Amino acid sequence: MNYENLKQGIKAIADIANGVPEMFRARCFELLLQHLLDSTVSKGARETPPVVERTTKEEIADIQKGKHAPDPPSIPTPSQVLFQGQMEAQGEAQKLSIEGQKELGRLVKELAATGS
């Protein structure tokens, strides 16, 4: 890959990374850049061998005894990122009127047409 193609690839990666939540932006950019760079280097020319993690006898014993490291934190869902406040009761469900049903249908069709 020549310099201009690499430069364009990095700009595309930056655009993609800017589209994810800020807390994931740096890692997203890093992963995509690594993929781009890996795809430009032949497999035989890579300098670093893959990392192989091994489980020690102590770790196996701890797992067998029920003592193991907690799972790593998972990536939050969009709702976990967007809705972090306390849930509040909003009252009993109410039946939509015929006009309300028509308006809801119109809104759903409009959103579907715009891809939102």
Protein backbone atom coordinates (compact mmCIF):
# COMPACT_ATOMS: atom_id res chain seq x y z
CA MET A 1 0.00 0.00 0.00
CA ASN A 2 1.48 3.34 -0.95
CA TYR A 3 1.56 6.45 1.21
CA GLU A 4 -1.51 8.10 -0.37
CA ASN A 5 -3.65 4.98 0.07
CA LEU A 6 -2.45 4.64 3.66
CA LYS A 7 -3.25 8.32 4.29
CA GLN A 8 -6.78 7.87 2.89
CA GLY A 9 -7.26 4.73 4.98
CA ILE A 10 -6.28 6.58 8.15
CA LYS A 11 -8.73 9.40 7.34
CA ALA A 12 -11.50 6.83 6.83
CA ILE A 13 -10.61 5.19 10.14
CA ALA A 14 -10.74 8.55 11.92
CA ASP A 15 -14.21 9.20 10.46
CA ILE A 16 -15.41 5.79 11.66
CA ALA A 17 -13.91 6.25 15.12
CA ASN A 18 -15.55 9.67 15.46
CA GLY A 19 -18.92 7.96 15.00
CA VAL A 20 -18.65 5.78 18.13
CA PRO A 21 -19.19 6.86 21.75
CA GLU A 22 -16.23 8.81 23.13
CA MET A 23 -15.31 6.17 25.69
CA PHE A 24 -14.63 3.67 22.84
CA ARG A 25 -13.18 6.11 20.29
CA ALA A 26 -9.45 5.62 20.98
CA ARG A 27 -9.71 1.83 21.12
CA CYS A 28 -11.80 1.75 17.95
CA PHE A 29 -9.21 3.84 16.12
CA GLU A 30 -6.39 1.66 17.44
CA LEU A 31 -8.02 -1.60 16.32
CA LEU A 32 -8.94 -0.32 12.87
CA LEU A 33 -5.48 1.15 12.34
CA GLN A 34 -3.85 -2.10 13.42
CA HIS A 35 -6.05 -3.99 10.96
CA LEU A 36 -5.13 -1.57 8.17
CA LEU A 37 -1.43 -1.88 8.93
CA ASP A 38 -1.62 -5.66 9.23
CA SER A 39 -3.32 -5.87 5.86
CA THR A 40 -0.43 -3.93 4.27
CA VAL A 41 2.30 -6.22 5.61
CA SER A 42 2.73 -9.75 4.30
CA LYS A 43 2.16 -12.49 6.85
CA GLY A 44 5.81 -13.58 6.80
CA ALA A 45 7.06 -10.05 7.47
CA ARG A 46 5.28 -9.52 10.79
CA GLU A 47 7.73 -8.91 13.60
CA THR A 48 5.74 -9.91 16.67
CA PRO A 49 4.56 -13.48 17.19
CA PRO A 50 1.04 -14.02 18.49
CA VAL A 51 0.67 -13.91 22.28
CA VAL A 52 -0.26 -17.23 23.86
CA GLU A 53 -1.68 -17.03 27.35
CA ARG A 54 -1.27 -20.04 29.60
CA THR A 55 -3.23 -20.91 32.71
CA THR A 56 -1.04 -21.65 35.72
CA LYS A 57 -1.60 -24.55 38.10
CA GLU A 58 -2.52 -22.05 40.82
CA GLU A 59 -5.16 -20.45 38.60
CA ILE A 60 -6.61 -23.88 37.79
CA ALA A 61 -6.72 -24.75 41.50
CA ASP A 62 -8.43 -21.44 42.30
CA ILE A 63 -11.02 -22.04 39.57
CA GLN A 64 -11.69 -25.53 40.90
CA LYS A 65 -12.17 -24.08 44.41
CA GLY A 66 -14.57 -21.47 43.04
CA LYS A 67 -12.05 -18.64 43.42
CA HIS A 68 -11.47 -17.11 40.05
CA ALA A 69 -10.92 -13.66 38.73
CA PRO A 70 -14.08 -11.73 37.96
CA ASP A 71 -15.07 -11.49 34.33
CA PRO A 72 -13.64 -8.45 32.57
CA PRO A 73 -16.07 -5.58 32.21
CA SER A 74 -18.31 -5.97 29.21
CA ILE A 75 -18.92 -3.34 26.59
CA PRO A 76 -22.03 -1.41 27.63
CA THR A 77 -25.09 -1.46 25.45
CA PRO A 78 -26.27 1.82 23.91
CA SER A 79 -29.11 2.01 26.43
CA GLN A 80 -26.61 1.70 29.29
CA VAL A 81 -24.63 4.60 27.87
CA LEU A 82 -27.60 6.81 27.02
CA PHE A 83 -29.88 6.12 30.00
CA GLN A 84 -27.86 6.27 33.17
CA GLY A 85 -30.38 7.91 35.47
CA GLN A 86 -32.80 6.36 37.91
CA MET A 87 -35.89 4.74 36.39
CA GLU A 88 -39.11 6.55 37.30
CA ALA A 89 -42.63 5.19 37.25
CA GLN A 90 -44.70 6.82 34.52
CA GLY A 91 -48.13 5.60 35.55
CA GLU A 92 -50.50 3.01 34.20
CA ALA A 93 -50.50 2.10 30.51
CA GLN A 94 -53.21 3.86 28.56
CA LYS A 95 -54.99 2.60 25.47
CA LEU A 96 -54.40 4.64 22.31
CA SER A 97 -57.41 6.16 20.63
CA ILE A 98 -58.05 5.40 16.96
CA GLU A 99 -56.51 8.78 16.08
CA GLY A 100 -53.51 8.00 18.30
CA GLN A 101 -53.04 4.62 16.60
CA LYS A 102 -53.14 6.28 13.17
CA GLU A 103 -50.63 8.92 14.26
CA LEU A 104 -48.33 6.27 15.72
CA GLY A 105 -48.53 4.28 12.47
CA ARG A 106 -47.71 7.40 10.46
CA LEU A 107 -44.74 8.15 12.70
CA VAL A 108 -43.39 4.59 12.44
CA LYS A 109 -43.70 4.67 8.64
CA GLU A 110 -41.97 8.06 8.51
CA LEU A 111 -39.10 6.84 10.70
CA ALA A 112 -38.76 3.65 8.63
CA ALA A 113 -38.63 5.69 5.42
CA THR A 114 -35.86 7.91 6.76
CA GLY A 115 -33.86 4.99 8.14
CA SER A 116 -33.94 6.30 11.72
